[in-house]
C-alpha atoms as a PDB file:
ATOM      1  CA  ALA A   1     123.145 198.361-155.786  1.00  0.00           C
ATOM      2  CA  PRO A   2     119.697 199.825-156.324  1.00  0.00           C
ATOM      3  CA  THR A   3     118.040 196.522-155.183  1.00  0.00           C
ATOM      4  CA  VAL A   4     119.362 193.492-153.308  1.00  0.00           C
ATOM      5  CA  VAL A   5     117.704 190.112-152.645  1.00  0.00           C
ATOM      6  CA  LEU A   6     118.866 188.198-149.566  1.00  0.00           C
ATOM      7  CA  THR A   7     118.341 184.459-149.558  1.00  0.00           C
ATOM      8  CA  THR A   8     120.368 183.468-146.556  1.00  0.00           C
ATOM      9  CA  GLY A   9     119.003 179.949-145.745  1.00  0.00           C
ATOM     10  CA  THR A  10     120.306 178.657-142.513  1.00  0.00           C
ATOM     11  CA  PHE A  11     123.588 180.702-142.554  1.00  0.00           C
ATOM     12  CA  LEU A  12     122.664 183.778-140.389  1.00  0.00           C
ATOM     13  CA  ASN A  13     124.446 183.024-137.198  1.00  0.00           C
ATOM     14  CA  GLY A  14     123.969 179.312-137.909  1.00  0.00           C
ATOM     15  CA  VAL A  15     124.870 176.752-135.236  1.00  0.00           C
ATOM     16  CA  ILE A  16     125.088 173.025-135.841  1.00  0.00           C
ATOM     17  CA  HIS A  17     124.286 170.532-133.020  1.00  0.00           C
ATOM     18  CA  ILE A  18     125.378 166.927-132.925  1.00  0.00           C
ATOM     19  CA  GLY A  19     124.862 165.619-129.388  1.00  0.00           C
ATOM     20  CA  PRO A  20     127.204 167.557-127.162  1.00  0.00           C
ATOM     21  CA  GLU A  21     128.967 169.059-130.212  1.00  0.00           C
ATOM     22  CA  GLN A  22     128.151 172.620-131.115  1.00  0.00           C
ATOM     23  CA  TYR A  23     129.944 174.744-133.736  1.00  0.00           C
ATOM     24  CA  LYS A  24     129.165 177.621-135.987  1.00  0.00           C
ATOM     25  CA  ALA A  25     128.316 176.765-139.546  1.00  0.00           C
ATOM     26  CA  GLY A  26     125.790 177.687-142.334  1.00  0.00           C
ATOM     27  CA  ARG A  27     125.517 174.042-143.154  1.00  0.00           C
ATOM     28  CA  ARG A  28     128.004 171.145-142.849  1.00  0.00           C
ATOM     29  CA  GLY A  29     131.338 172.171-144.237  1.00  0.00           C
ATOM     30  CA  GLU A  30     130.395 175.817-144.832  1.00  0.00           C
ATOM     31  CA  ASN A  31     130.859 178.851-142.480  1.00  0.00           C
ATOM     32  CA  ALA A  32     128.067 180.668-140.812  1.00  0.00           C
ATOM     33  CA  VAL A  33     127.420 184.264-141.652  1.00  0.00           C
ATOM     34  CA  THR A  34     127.839 186.699-138.765  1.00  0.00           C
ATOM     35  CA  GLY A  35     128.534 190.155-140.124  1.00  0.00           C
ATOM     36  CA  LEU A  36     125.308 190.194-142.212  1.00  0.00           C
ATOM     37  CA  ALA A  37     123.246 189.222-139.284  1.00  0.00           C
ATOM     38  CA  GLU A  38     124.789 191.985-137.189  1.00  0.00           C
ATOM     39  CA  PHE A  39     123.778 194.382-140.079  1.00  0.00           C
ATOM     40  CA  LEU A  40     120.253 193.291-140.018  1.00  0.00           C
ATOM     41  CA  TYR A  41     120.067 193.635-136.286  1.00  0.00           C
ATOM     42  CA  SER A  42     121.479 197.072-136.670  1.00  0.00           C
ATOM     43  CA  LEU A  43     118.357 198.056-138.676  1.00  0.00           C
ATOM     44  CA  ASN A  44     116.229 197.318-135.621  1.00  0.00           C
ATOM     45  CA  LEU A  45     114.383 194.606-137.330  1.00  0.00           C
ATOM     46  CA  ASN A  46     112.474 192.222-135.161  1.00  0.00           C
ATOM     47  CA  MET A  47     114.427 188.901-135.542  1.00  0.00           C
ATOM     48  CA  GLY A  48     114.398 185.470-133.916  1.00  0.00           C
ATOM     49  CA  ARG A  49     115.802 181.872-134.019  1.00  0.00           C
ATOM     50  CA  LEU A  50     114.501 178.823-135.903  1.00  0.00           C
ATOM     51  CA  LYS A  51     115.705 175.331-136.021  1.00  0.00           C
ATOM     52  CA  THR A  52     115.658 172.690-138.702  1.00  0.00           C
ATOM     53  CA  GLY A  53     117.730 169.379-139.320  1.00  0.00           C
ATOM     54  CA  THR A  54     118.945 167.000-142.005  1.00  0.00           C
ATOM     55  CA  PRO A  55     119.183 163.242-141.799  1.00  0.00           C
ATOM     56  CA  PRO A  56     122.424 161.267-141.954  1.00  0.00           C
ATOM     57  CA  ARG A  57     123.870 160.340-145.425  1.00  0.00           C
ATOM     58  CA  LEU A  58     124.597 156.670-145.912  1.00  0.00           C
ATOM     59  CA  ARG A  59     126.938 155.056-148.302  1.00  0.00           C
ATOM     60  CA  TYR A  60     124.964 153.567-151.268  1.00  0.00           C
ATOM     61  CA  ASP A  61     126.713 150.190-151.431  1.00  0.00           C
ATOM     62  CA  SER A  62     126.420 149.531-147.642  1.00  0.00           C
ATOM     63  CA  VAL A  63     122.621 149.386-147.719  1.00  0.00           C
ATOM     64  CA  ASP A  64     120.624 146.216-148.459  1.00  0.00           C
ATOM     65  CA  PHE A  65     117.782 147.218-150.631  1.00  0.00           C
ATOM     66  CA  SER A  66     116.348 143.777-150.893  1.00  0.00           C
ATOM     67  CA  LYS A  67     114.866 144.209-147.357  1.00  0.00           C
ATOM     68  CA  MET A  68     112.839 147.338-148.489  1.00  0.00           C
ATOM     69  CA  GLU A  69     109.765 148.110-150.540  1.00  0.00           C
ATOM     70  CA  GLN A  70     110.930 149.464-153.857  1.00  0.00           C
ATOM     71  CA  GLN A  71     109.147 152.550-155.399  1.00  0.00           C
ATOM     72  CA  GLU A  72     109.653 153.229-159.010  1.00  0.00           C
ATOM     73  CA  SER A  73     109.176 156.846-160.423  1.00  0.00           C
ATOM     74  CA  HIS A  74     105.722 157.688-161.709  1.00  0.00           C
ATOM     75  CA  ASP A  75     105.193 158.035-165.557  1.00  0.00           C
ATOM     76  CA  LEU A  76     103.929 161.625-165.605  1.00  0.00           C
ATOM     77  CA  PRO A  77     104.887 162.933-168.942  1.00  0.00           C
ATOM     78  CA  TYR A  78     103.498 166.431-168.412  1.00  0.00           C
ATOM     79  CA  LEU A  79     104.531 167.075-164.879  1.00  0.00           C
ATOM     80  CA  PHE A  80     104.302 170.854-164.491  1.00  0.00           C
ATOM     81  CA  GLU A  81     105.450 171.856-168.024  1.00  0.00           C
ATOM     82  CA  PHE A  82     103.254 173.264-170.652  1.00  0.00           C
ATOM     83  CA  THR A  83     104.667 170.839-173.214  1.00  0.00           C
ATOM     84  CA  SER A  84     105.260 167.123-172.910  1.00  0.00           C
ATOM     85  CA  HIS A  85     108.452 166.128-171.172  1.00  0.00           C
ATOM     86  CA  LYS A  86     109.781 162.620-170.739  1.00  0.00           C
ATOM     87  CA  VAL A  87     112.096 161.674-167.907  1.00  0.00           C
ATOM     88  CA  HIS A  88     114.523 158.783-168.716  1.00  0.00           C
ATOM     89  CA  ASN A  89     117.045 156.759-166.657  1.00  0.00           C
ATOM     90  CA  THR A  90     115.367 157.387-163.380  1.00  0.00           C
ATOM     91  CA  LEU A  91     116.476 155.665-160.169  1.00  0.00           C
ATOM     92  CA  PRO A  92     113.950 153.917-157.860  1.00  0.00           C
ATOM     93  CA  CYS A  93     113.398 155.011-154.238  1.00  0.00           C
ATOM     94  CA  HIS A  94     112.716 152.468-151.402  1.00  0.00           C
ATOM     95  CA  ILE A  95     110.741 152.496-148.193  1.00  0.00           C
ATOM     96  CA  THR A  96     111.788 150.939-144.804  1.00  0.00           C
ATOM     97  CA  HIS A  97     110.711 151.663-141.311  1.00  0.00           C
ATOM     98  CA  THR A  98     112.038 152.189-137.698  1.00  0.00           C
ATOM     99  CA  ASN A  99     110.901 149.513-135.189  1.00  0.00           C
ATOM    100  CA  GLU A 100     110.577 149.089-131.429  1.00  0.00           C
ATOM    101  CA  THR A 101     114.325 148.273-131.113  1.00  0.00           C
ATOM    102  CA  SER A 102     115.143 151.554-132.908  1.00  0.00           C
ATOM    103  CA  HIS A 103     112.720 153.463-130.636  1.00  0.00           C
ATOM    104  CA  GLU A 104     114.271 151.786-127.458  1.00  0.00           C
ATOM    105  CA  VAL A 105     117.754 153.015-128.434  1.00  0.00           C
ATOM    106  CA  ILE A 106     116.411 156.492-128.901  1.00  0.00           C
ATOM    107  CA  ARG A 107     114.365 156.459-125.673  1.00  0.00           C
ATOM    108  CA  ARG A 108     117.433 155.251-123.685  1.00  0.00           C
ATOM    109  CA  ASN A 109     119.518 158.122-125.045  1.00  0.00           C
ATOM    110  CA  TYR A 110     116.909 160.739-125.286  1.00  0.00           C
ATOM    111  CA  GLU A 111     118.619 162.829-122.553  1.00  0.00           C
ATOM    112  CA  GLN A 112     121.581 163.141-124.806  1.00  0.00           C
ATOM    113  CA  SER A 113     119.572 165.202-127.336  1.00  0.00           C
ATOM    114  CA  PRO A 114     120.668 168.954-127.411  1.00  0.00           C
ATOM    115  CA  ALA A 115     117.003 169.899-127.372  1.00  0.00           C
ATOM    116  CA  THR A 116     116.386 167.998-124.082  1.00  0.00           C
ATOM    117  CA  GLN A 117     119.468 169.609-122.442  1.00  0.00           C
ATOM    118  CA  GLY A 118     118.212 173.108-123.417  1.00  0.00           C
ATOM    119  CA  ASN A 119     121.065 173.788-125.870  1.00  0.00           C
ATOM    120  CA  ILE A 120     118.701 174.462-128.774  1.00  0.00           C
ATOM    121  CA  THR A 121     116.541 177.596-128.515  1.00  0.00           C
ATOM    122  CA  GLY A 122     115.252 177.819-132.048  1.00  0.00           C
ATOM    123  CA  LYS A 123     111.657 176.751-132.729  1.00  0.00           C
ATOM    124  CA  PRO A 124     111.594 173.535-134.871  1.00  0.00           C
ATOM    125  CA  PRO A 125     109.243 172.711-137.796  1.00  0.00           C
ATOM    126  CA  ARG A 126     106.145 170.969-136.568  1.00  0.00           C
ATOM    127  CA  TYR A 127     105.702 169.064-139.771  1.00  0.00           C
ATOM    128  CA  CYS A 128     109.149 167.607-140.172  1.00  0.00           C
ATOM    129  CA  PRO A 129     110.065 166.569-136.664  1.00  0.00           C
ATOM    130  CA  SER A 130     113.304 164.785-135.753  1.00  0.00           C
ATOM    131  CA  ILE A 131     113.037 160.985-135.153  1.00  0.00           C
ATOM    132  CA  GLU A 132     113.479 161.565-131.289  1.00  0.00           C
ATOM    133  CA  ASP A 133     110.706 164.003-131.389  1.00  0.00           C
ATOM    134  CA  LYS A 134     108.442 161.524-133.243  1.00  0.00           C
ATOM    135  CA  VAL A 135     109.231 158.828-130.787  1.00  0.00           C
ATOM    136  CA  ARG A 136     108.398 161.087-127.893  1.00  0.00           C
ATOM    137  CA  ARG A 137     105.254 162.609-129.415  1.00  0.00           C
ATOM    138  CA  PHE A 138     103.802 159.398-130.761  1.00  0.00           C
ATOM    139  CA  PRO A 139     104.544 156.677-128.113  1.00  0.00           C
ATOM    140  CA  ASP A 140     101.757 154.550-129.561  1.00  0.00           C
ATOM    141  CA  LYS A 141     103.535 154.153-132.922  1.00  0.00           C
ATOM    142  CA  SER A 142     105.718 151.152-133.166  1.00  0.00           C
ATOM    143  CA  SER A 143     107.405 152.243-136.395  1.00  0.00           C
ATOM    144  CA  HIS A 144     107.971 155.289-138.557  1.00  0.00           C
ATOM    145  CA  GLN A 145     108.344 155.259-142.335  1.00  0.00           C
ATOM    146  CA  ILE A 146     111.743 156.181-143.981  1.00  0.00           C
ATOM    147  CA  PHE A 147     111.969 157.199-147.654  1.00  0.00           C
ATOM    148  CA  VAL A 148     115.188 155.962-148.888  1.00  0.00           C
ATOM    149  CA  GLU A 149     116.244 158.436-151.741  1.00  0.00           C
ATOM    150  CA  PRO A 150     119.410 158.343-153.885  1.00  0.00           C
ATOM    151  CA  GLU A 151     121.238 161.719-153.695  1.00  0.00           C
ATOM    152  CA  GLY A 152     121.693 161.666-157.473  1.00  0.00           C
ATOM    153  CA  LYS A 153     122.482 159.495-160.464  1.00  0.00           C
ATOM    154  CA  ASN A 154     126.237 159.691-159.893  1.00  0.00           C
ATOM    155  CA  SER A 155     126.178 159.972-156.096  1.00  0.00           C
ATOM    156  CA  GLN A 156     127.385 157.278-153.801  1.00  0.00           C
ATOM    157  CA  GLU A 157     125.203 158.466-151.084  1.00  0.00           C
ATOM    158  CA  ILE A 158     121.568 157.973-150.085  1.00  0.00           C
ATOM    159  CA  TYR A 159     119.173 160.390-148.105  1.00  0.00           C
ATOM    160  CA  PRO A 160     117.107 158.382-145.536  1.00  0.00           C
ATOM    161  CA  ASN A 161     114.262 160.899-145.404  1.00  0.00           C
ATOM    162  CA  GLY A 162     112.437 160.589-141.971  1.00  0.00           C
ATOM    163  CA  ILE A 163     115.309 160.146-139.422  1.00  0.00           C
ATOM    164  CA  ALA A 164     116.740 163.602-138.910  1.00  0.00           C
ATOM    165  CA  THR A 165     118.220 163.716-135.473  1.00  0.00           C
ATOM    166  CA  SER A 166     120.678 165.706-133.337  1.00  0.00           C
ATOM    167  CA  MET A 167     121.657 162.730-131.257  1.00  0.00           C
ATOM    168  CA  PRO A 168     125.436 161.952-130.682  1.00  0.00           C
ATOM    169  CA  ARG A 169     127.257 160.071-133.513  1.00  0.00           C
ATOM    170  CA  ASP A 170     127.420 156.835-131.587  1.00  0.00           C
ATOM    171  CA  VAL A 171     123.688 156.890-130.871  1.00  0.00           C
ATOM    172  CA  GLN A 172     122.931 157.626-134.548  1.00  0.00           C
ATOM    173  CA  GLU A 173     124.936 154.613-135.546  1.00  0.00           C
ATOM    174  CA  GLU A 174     123.342 152.320-133.025  1.00  0.00           C
ATOM    175  CA  PHE A 175     119.703 153.093-133.908  1.00  0.00           C
ATOM    176  CA  ILE A 176     120.299 153.250-137.664  1.00  0.00           C
ATOM    177  CA  HIS A 177     121.788 149.686-137.651  1.00  0.00           C
ATOM    178  CA  THR A 178     118.454 148.430-136.107  1.00  0.00           C
ATOM    179  CA  ILE A 179     116.589 149.490-139.254  1.00  0.00           C
ATOM    180  CA  PRO A 180     115.838 146.788-141.992  1.00  0.00           C
ATOM    181  CA  GLY A 181     118.309 147.281-144.771  1.00  0.00           C
ATOM    182  CA  PHE A 182     120.614 149.511-142.723  1.00  0.00           C
ATOM    183  CA  GLU A 183     122.083 146.802-140.543  1.00  0.00           C
ATOM    184  CA  ASN A 184     125.652 147.408-142.072  1.00  0.00           C
ATOM    185  CA  ALA A 185     125.044 150.977-143.295  1.00  0.00           C
ATOM    186  CA  VAL A 186     128.103 153.198-143.329  1.00  0.00           C
ATOM    187  CA  ILE A 187     127.390 156.847-142.228  1.00  0.00           C
ATOM    188  CA  THR A 188     129.167 159.101-144.573  1.00  0.00           C
ATOM    189  CA  GLN A 189     127.830 162.281-142.891  1.00  0.00           C
ATOM    190  CA  PRO A 190     126.074 162.279-139.457  1.00  0.00           C
ATOM    191  CA  SER A 191     122.720 163.854-139.022  1.00  0.00           C
ATOM    192  CA  TYR A 192     122.439 167.198-137.272  1.00  0.00           C
ATOM    193  CA  ALA A 193     120.270 169.972-136.111  1.00  0.00           C
ATOM    194  CA  ILE A 194     120.906 173.619-137.201  1.00  0.00           C
ATOM    195  CA  GLU A 195     119.547 176.891-135.699  1.00  0.00           C
ATOM    196  CA  TYR A 196     119.760 180.186-137.386  1.00  0.00           C
ATOM    197  CA  ASP A 197     118.428 183.712-137.296  1.00  0.00           C
ATOM    198  CA  TYR A 198     115.311 184.893-139.311  1.00  0.00           C
ATOM    199  CA  VAL A 199     113.587 188.132-139.837  1.00  0.00           C
ATOM    200  CA  ALA A 200     109.928 188.508-138.662  1.00  0.00           C
ATOM    201  CA  PRO A 201     108.137 188.670-142.186  1.00  0.00           C
ATOM    202  CA  ASN A 202     105.333 190.985-140.987  1.00  0.00           C
ATOM    203  CA  GLN A 203     107.965 193.697-141.462  1.00  0.00           C
ATOM    204  CA  LEU A 204     107.859 193.114-145.271  1.00  0.00           C
ATOM    205  CA  HIS A 205     105.750 194.579-148.013  1.00  0.00           C
ATOM    206  CA  GLU A 206     103.789 192.030-150.241  1.00  0.00           C
ATOM    207  CA  THR A 207     106.660 192.558-152.706  1.00  0.00           C
ATOM    208  CA  LEU A 208     108.973 191.006-150.077  1.00  0.00           C
ATOM    209  CA  GLU A 209     110.725 194.337-149.731  1.00  0.00           C
ATOM    210  CA  VAL A 210     111.709 195.419-146.249  1.00  0.00           C
ATOM    211  CA  GLN A 211     109.323 198.156-145.130  1.00  0.00           C
ATOM    212  CA  ASN A 212     112.031 200.380-143.705  1.00  0.00           C
ATOM    213  CA  VAL A 213     114.906 199.580-146.032  1.00  0.00           C
ATOM    214  CA  PRO A 214     113.751 200.477-149.624  1.00  0.00           C
ATOM    215  CA  GLY A 215     115.500 198.192-152.149  1.00  0.00           C
ATOM    216  CA  LEU A 216     116.120 195.391-149.783  1.00  0.00           C
ATOM    217  CA  TYR A 217     114.217 192.213-150.567  1.00  0.00           C
ATOM    218  CA  LEU A 218     114.207 188.996-148.392  1.00  0.00           C
ATOM    219  CA  ALA A 219     113.275 185.517-149.612  1.00  0.00           C
ATOM    220  CA  GLY A 220     113.391 181.915-148.101  1.00  0.00           C
ATOM    221  CA  GLN A 221     114.196 180.778-144.701  1.00  0.00           C
ATOM    222  CA  ILE A 222     115.229 184.332-143.678  1.00  0.00           C
ATOM    223  CA  ASN A 223     111.472 184.985-143.699  1.00  0.00           C
ATOM    224  CA  GLY A 224     110.604 182.061-141.346  1.00  0.00           C
ATOM    225  CA  THR A 225     109.616 179.497-143.999  1.00  0.00           C
ATOM    226  CA  THR A 226     110.773 175.981-144.309  1.00  0.00           C
ATOM    227  CA  GLY A 227     111.213 173.825-147.370  1.00  0.00           C
ATOM    228  CA  TYR A 228     112.709 174.180-150.911  1.00  0.00           C
ATOM    229  CA  GLU A 229     109.392 174.946-152.619  1.00  0.00           C
ATOM    230  CA  GLU A 230     108.518 177.794-150.286  1.00  0.00           C
ATOM    231  CA  ALA A 231     111.810 179.364-150.708  1.00  0.00           C
ATOM    232  CA  ALA A 232     111.667 179.142-154.510  1.00  0.00           C
ATOM    233  CA  GLY A 233     108.294 180.655-154.630  1.00  0.00           C
ATOM    234  CA  GLN A 234     109.538 183.694-152.514  1.00  0.00           C
ATOM    235  CA  GLY A 235     112.749 183.841-154.581  1.00  0.00           C
ATOM    236  CA  ILE A 236     110.967 184.306-157.849  1.00  0.00           C
ATOM    237  CA  ILE A 237     108.636 187.006-156.542  1.00  0.00           C
ATOM    238  CA  ALA A 238     111.431 188.960-154.755  1.00  0.00           C
ATOM    239  CA  GLY A 239     113.610 188.742-158.002  1.00  0.00           C
ATOM    240  CA  ILE A 240     110.715 189.938-160.214  1.00  0.00           C
ATOM    241  CA  ASN A 241     109.962 192.895-157.911  1.00  0.00           C
ATOM    242  CA  ALA A 242     113.704 193.828-157.515  1.00  0.00           C
ATOM    243  CA  ALA A 243     113.963 193.906-161.286  1.00  0.00           C
ATOM    244  CA  LEU A 244     110.655 195.877-161.689  1.00  0.00           C
ATOM    245  CA  ARG A 245     111.863 198.490-159.149  1.00  0.00           C
ATOM    246  CA  VAL A 246     115.129 199.015-161.047  1.00  0.00           C
ATOM    247  CA  GLN A 247     113.172 199.415-164.256  1.00  0.00           C
ATOM    248  CA  GLY A 248     110.812 201.918-162.620  1.00  0.00           C
ATOM    249  CA  ARG A 249     107.787 199.771-163.257  1.00  0.00           C
ATOM    250  CA  ASP A 250     104.856 199.015-160.863  1.00  0.00           C
ATOM    251  CA  PRO A 251     105.508 195.956-158.483  1.00  0.00           C
ATOM    252  CA  TYR A 252     103.831 192.650-158.973  1.00  0.00           C
ATOM    253  CA  ILE A 253     101.761 191.109-156.184  1.00  0.00           C
ATOM    254  CA  MET A 254     100.136 187.724-156.644  1.00  0.00           C
ATOM    255  CA  ASN A 255      96.608 187.637-155.039  1.00  0.00           C
ATOM    256  CA  ARG A 256      95.347 184.829-152.950  1.00  0.00           C
ATOM    257  CA  ASN A 257      93.071 183.562-155.728  1.00  0.00           C
ATOM    258  CA  GLU A 258      95.834 183.512-158.283  1.00  0.00           C
ATOM    259  CA  GLY A 259      98.197 181.029-156.798  1.00  0.00           C
ATOM    260  CA  TYR A 260      99.612 179.337-153.744  1.00  0.00           C
ATOM    261  CA  ILE A 261     102.643 181.658-153.758  1.00  0.00           C
ATOM    262  CA  GLY A 262     100.233 184.551-153.275  1.00  0.00           C
ATOM    263  CA  ILE A 263      98.682 182.850-150.329  1.00  0.00           C
ATOM    264  CA  MET A 264     101.974 182.075-148.651  1.00  0.00           C
ATOM    265  CA  ILE A 265     103.338 185.561-148.960  1.00  0.00           C
ATOM    266  CA  ASN A 266     100.027 187.072-147.737  1.00  0.00           C
ATOM    267  CA  ASP A 267     100.114 184.926-144.781  1.00  0.00           C
ATOM    268  CA  LEU A 268     103.723 185.737-143.923  1.00  0.00           C
ATOM    269  CA  ILE A 269     103.277 189.487-144.094  1.00  0.00           C
ATOM    270  CA  THR A 270      99.896 189.633-142.288  1.00  0.00           C
ATOM    271  CA  LEU A 271     100.200 186.842-139.696  1.00  0.00           C
ATOM    272  CA  GLY A 272     103.966 186.529-139.213  1.00  0.00           C
ATOM    273  CA  VAL A 273     105.287 183.237-137.996  1.00  0.00           C
ATOM    274  CA  ASP A 274     105.794 181.567-134.632  1.00  0.00           C
ATOM    275  CA  GLU A 275     107.233 178.449-136.263  1.00  0.00           C
ATOM    276  CA  PRO A 276     108.720 177.532-139.560  1.00  0.00           C
ATOM    277  CA  TYR A 277     105.970 178.126-142.127  1.00  0.00           C
ATOM    278  CA  ARG A 278     104.984 175.363-144.465  1.00  0.00           C
ATOM    279  CA  MET A 279     102.547 175.820-147.403  1.00  0.00           C
ATOM    280  CA  PHE A 280      99.541 173.546-147.425  1.00  0.00           C
ATOM    281  CA  THR A 281      96.549 173.285-149.854  1.00  0.00           C
ATOM    282  CA  SER A 282      94.378 173.742-146.793  1.00  0.00           C
ATOM    283  CA  ARG A 283      95.454 177.346-146.394  1.00  0.00           C
ATOM    284  CA  ALA A 284      93.740 178.230-149.654  1.00  0.00           C
ATOM    285  CA  GLU A 285      90.170 179.670-149.369  1.00  0.00           C
ATOM    286  CA  ARG A 286      89.665 178.861-153.164  1.00  0.00           C
ATOM    287  CA  ARG A 287      91.689 175.685-153.563  1.00  0.00           C
ATOM    288  CA  LEU A 288      89.458 174.311-156.321  1.00  0.00           C
ATOM    289  CA  LEU A 289      90.478 177.232-158.523  1.00  0.00           C
ATOM    290  CA  LEU A 290      94.295 176.630-157.959  1.00  0.00           C
ATOM    291  CA  ARG A 291      94.769 173.409-160.039  1.00  0.00           C
ATOM    292  CA  GLN A 292      97.686 172.156-161.979  1.00  0.00           C
ATOM    293  CA  ASP A 293      95.487 171.948-165.192  1.00  0.00           C
ATOM    294  CA  ASN A 294      94.802 175.600-165.223  1.00  0.00           C
ATOM    295  CA  ALA A 295      98.122 176.999-163.996  1.00  0.00           C
ATOM    296  CA  PHE A 296      98.956 178.301-167.434  1.00  0.00           C
ATOM    297  CA  THR A 297      95.696 180.042-168.056  1.00  0.00           C
ATOM    298  CA  ARG A 298      95.848 181.690-164.604  1.00  0.00           C
ATOM    299  CA  LEU A 299      99.454 182.889-164.748  1.00  0.00           C
ATOM    300  CA  GLY A 300     100.303 182.876-168.398  1.00  0.00           C
ATOM    301  CA  PRO A 301      99.089 186.463-169.221  1.00  0.00           C
ATOM    302  CA  VAL A 302     100.979 187.965-166.244  1.00  0.00           C
ATOM    303  CA  GLY A 303     103.924 185.880-166.901  1.00  0.00           C
ATOM    304  CA  TYR A 304     104.115 187.194-170.485  1.00  0.00           C
ATOM    305  CA  GLU A 305     103.593 190.836-169.252  1.00  0.00           C
ATOM    306  CA  LEU A 306     106.512 190.440-166.874  1.00  0.00           C
ATOM    307  CA  GLY A 307     108.800 189.081-169.486  1.00  0.00           C
ATOM    308  CA  MET A 308     108.917 185.713-167.817  1.00  0.00           C
ATOM    309  CA  ILE A 309     107.713 183.701-170.860  1.00  0.00           C
ATOM    310  CA  SER A 310     108.357 183.980-174.522  1.00  0.00           C
ATOM    311  CA  HIS A 311     105.842 185.289-177.099  1.00  0.00           C
ATOM    312  CA  GLU A 312     105.741 181.804-178.668  1.00  0.00           C
ATOM    313  CA  ARG A 313     104.791 180.221-175.352  1.00  0.00           C
ATOM    314  CA  TYR A 314     102.185 182.908-174.649  1.00  0.00           C
ATOM    315  CA  LYS A 315     100.626 182.349-178.078  1.00  0.00           C
ATOM    316  CA  ALA A 316     100.407 178.564-177.397  1.00  0.00           C
ATOM    317  CA  ILE A 317      98.718 179.299-174.109  1.00  0.00           C
ATOM    318  CA  GLU A 318      96.251 181.696-175.789  1.00  0.00           C
ATOM    319  CA  GLU A 319      95.481 178.866-178.234  1.00  0.00           C
ATOM    320  CA  GLU A 320      94.874 176.429-175.405  1.00  0.00           C
ATOM    321  CA  ILE A 321      92.518 178.836-173.679  1.00  0.00           C
ATOM    322  CA  LYS A 322      90.606 179.340-176.980  1.00  0.00           C
ATOM    323  CA  THR A 323      90.341 175.543-177.423  1.00  0.00           C
ATOM    324  CA  VAL A 324      89.051 174.964-173.812  1.00  0.00           C
ATOM    325  CA  ASN A 325      86.539 177.813-174.142  1.00  0.00           C
ATOM    326  CA  THR A 326      85.138 176.499-177.423  1.00  0.00           C
END
């Protein structure tokens, strides 16, 4: 292929940790990728290891939501679309908290954490720590918030956001049952930590093309970022530039004053990473310019030029610009 975009997530030499258990996987139930990692090493790229985690999944009908604070979805008809968009049939989320009993279980078993035993070498994300890291780093906190999110409209599982852990299965069950609403919760999938290879992103052009491998583009966690939004932002830029290269057109580079994606990519290729990178508004020098209400006027023209939006949409954006200016 003339161009290739690699978005490997946590699959490159991925290893899952659950207490003393260790096994190769890209994520739970899927194989790790080893041959592709060996190929990248053969290119003499500077690579390293990072670590992330995911919370356990709980069976929906085993959770007592009456003991939690309910949070309905916000009524935001415009969200990030140019035209009005109404969301129907939403499900509520809930909030609960750990407590001192939960923390005591974790402290008592802390030595069983793979990170404590030195089994995990990958650098963890500072802004999404495991529950055992939160208990250790913030001993003055008597509780930590948990967002209880349904996995989907037709799913029988919930996602307790905030209690990712790599503790053994029996310890997970013990501390989860101390949390209000989770007293009888059934764990359908245990929480785990996963470490994986990444490529140091200061070896990329601002198009996300590998400097010494023309036509090869990298996007997402392979570049040392964490989070879905960061991956999606890189993915669209890598995809645009891979297509432009095939067409023989000039590459597209988003500047720091055009959008947060431009800031993120510029940070990655100039500064590199020493921990999983998370995008924050505080990284923007001109954040007052980068607003939701002017996103279409900022990026509409270039989106149209790249063929990413229709002629009809672009004309509507032009009309809005004219209306605002007059």
